[in-house]
Amino acid sequence: MITVIALILIGLAVVPWLLVGLGTLASQFDLAITDRILTLAARSVQLQWIGGSMLNIVAGLALAALGIWAVLHVDPLLDRLSGVSLVPFGLWRISMAAALLRHRPKSSANVGQGDWRPPRT
């Protein structure tokens, strides 16, 4: 299961760049398929955006849960304090990923056309 998840994440990271490179190569040779390749690249970037944000939400939840577990189950005070520091970092990671999901481009038509700005932090 971990191998499948790792392959999906690697694919989400690599495929958009491969498509951009293929689109650039097709553009150099003035092929008619260039626009379709670049549209597919824009859609794959959106999938990468969504997948990365979802992964950050899961990682943030895991960090916050680990911090809460450490506070409740670890004995030395210094270790409990380090567990407390994980909770706000996990919550921050969740909030940043949720903000990116809320402000993502809605369609591939407006990707790269300057009508989208990242959220202010």
Protein backbone atom coordinates (compact mmCIF):
# COMPACT_ATOMS: atom_id res chain seq x y z
CA MET A 1 0.00 0.00 0.00
CA ILE A 2 2.82 2.39 0.87
CA THR A 3 4.50 1.63 -2.46
CA VAL A 4 1.33 2.47 -4.38
CA ILE A 5 0.91 5.76 -2.50
CA ALA A 6 4.57 6.62 -3.11
CA LEU A 7 4.23 5.91 -6.83
CA ILE A 8 1.11 8.08 -7.05
CA LEU A 9 2.88 10.95 -5.29
CA ILE A 10 5.94 10.61 -7.52
CA GLY A 11 3.67 10.58 -10.57
CA LEU A 12 1.87 13.71 -9.37
CA ALA A 13 5.22 15.44 -9.00
CA VAL A 14 6.86 14.32 -12.26
CA VAL A 15 4.11 14.05 -14.90
CA PRO A 16 3.35 17.81 -15.19
CA TRP A 17 7.02 18.58 -15.83
CA LEU A 18 7.29 15.82 -18.41
CA LEU A 19 4.21 17.18 -20.19
CA VAL A 20 5.60 20.72 -20.17
CA GLY A 21 8.84 19.44 -21.67
CA LEU A 22 6.93 17.46 -24.29
CA GLY A 23 4.79 20.52 -25.05
CA THR A 24 7.90 22.65 -25.45
CA LEU A 25 9.41 20.10 -27.81
CA ALA A 26 6.17 19.91 -29.82
CA SER A 27 6.08 23.71 -29.98
CA GLN A 28 9.60 23.82 -31.40
CA PHE A 29 8.52 21.55 -34.22
CA ASP A 30 5.20 23.44 -34.75
CA LEU A 31 3.08 20.34 -34.18
CA ALA A 32 -0.70 20.68 -34.05
CA ILE A 33 -0.89 18.65 -30.84
CA THR A 34 0.99 21.30 -28.82
CA ASP A 35 -2.14 22.97 -27.43
CA ARG A 36 -3.61 19.67 -26.29
CA ILE A 37 -0.38 18.70 -24.56
CA LEU A 38 -0.17 22.02 -22.73
CA THR A 39 -3.84 21.79 -21.70
CA LEU A 40 -3.16 18.33 -20.31
CA ALA A 41 -0.09 19.73 -18.52
CA ALA A 42 -2.24 22.47 -16.93
CA ARG A 43 -4.76 19.88 -15.75
CA SER A 44 -2.01 17.70 -14.33
CA VAL A 45 -0.62 20.72 -12.45
CA GLN A 46 -4.07 21.18 -10.93
CA LEU A 47 -4.05 17.54 -9.84
CA GLN A 48 -0.59 18.11 -8.38
CA TRP A 49 -1.93 21.17 -6.54
CA ILE A 50 -4.89 19.26 -5.09
CA GLY A 51 -2.82 16.17 -4.24
CA GLY A 52 -0.13 18.21 -2.50
CA SER A 53 -2.68 20.17 -0.52
CA MET A 54 -4.49 17.02 0.58
CA LEU A 55 -1.17 15.45 1.58
CA ASN A 56 -0.33 18.54 3.65
CA ILE A 57 -3.72 18.37 5.38
CA VAL A 58 -3.13 14.72 6.31
CA ALA A 59 0.42 15.48 7.47
CA GLY A 60 -0.82 18.42 9.55
CA LEU A 61 -3.44 16.24 11.20
CA ALA A 62 -0.78 13.62 11.93
CA LEU A 63 1.56 16.20 13.48
CA ALA A 64 -1.19 17.66 15.66
CA ALA A 65 -2.30 14.18 16.75
CA LEU A 66 1.29 13.19 17.54
CA GLY A 67 1.70 16.34 19.63
CA ILE A 68 -1.49 15.63 21.58
CA TRP A 69 -0.45 12.01 22.09
CA ALA A 70 2.98 13.14 23.36
CA VAL A 71 1.40 15.54 25.84
CA LEU A 72 -0.88 12.82 27.20
CA HIS A 73 1.51 9.86 27.27
CA VAL A 74 5.12 11.03 27.61
CA ASP A 75 6.50 11.46 31.12
CA PRO A 76 9.44 13.89 31.16
CA LEU A 77 8.27 17.52 31.14
CA LEU A 78 10.73 18.55 28.41
CA ASP A 79 9.38 15.86 26.09
CA ARG A 80 5.83 17.01 26.77
CA LEU A 81 6.79 20.56 25.86
CA SER A 82 8.27 19.38 22.56
CA GLY A 83 4.99 17.56 21.92
CA VAL A 84 3.07 20.78 22.54
CA SER A 85 5.15 22.50 19.86
CA LEU A 86 3.93 19.99 17.25
CA VAL A 87 0.27 20.95 17.69
CA PRO A 88 0.44 24.57 16.41
CA PHE A 89 2.78 23.55 13.58
CA GLY A 90 0.33 20.84 12.49
CA LEU A 91 -2.60 23.26 12.68
CA TRP A 92 -0.62 25.84 10.68
CA ARG A 93 0.12 23.25 8.01
CA ILE A 94 -3.57 22.33 7.81
CA SER A 95 -4.65 25.97 7.51
CA MET A 96 -2.10 26.72 4.76
CA ALA A 97 -3.14 23.67 2.74
CA ALA A 98 -6.83 24.54 3.14
CA ALA A 99 -6.13 28.11 2.00
CA LEU A 100 -4.37 26.80 -1.10
CA LEU A 101 -7.30 24.51 -1.87
CA ARG A 102 -9.77 27.38 -1.51
CA HIS A 103 -7.80 29.67 -3.83
CA ARG A 104 -6.79 27.23 -6.54
CA PRO A 105 -7.66 27.93 -10.18
CA LYS A 106 -11.11 26.61 -11.07
CA SER A 107 -10.33 25.49 -14.62
CA SER A 108 -7.35 24.94 -16.85
CA ALA A 109 -8.48 27.85 -19.05
CA ASN A 110 -7.24 30.44 -16.54
CA VAL A 111 -4.00 28.71 -15.56
CA GLY A 112 -1.05 30.89 -16.48
CA GLN A 113 -3.12 33.83 -17.76
CA GLY A 114 -2.49 36.17 -14.87
CA ASP A 115 -6.03 36.23 -13.48
CA TRP A 116 -5.14 34.12 -10.44
CA ARG A 117 -3.14 35.19 -7.41
CA PRO A 118 -1.95 33.04 -4.50
CA PRO A 119 -3.63 33.68 -1.13
CA ARG A 120 -2.21 36.35 1.12
CA THR A 121 -0.65 35.05 4.29
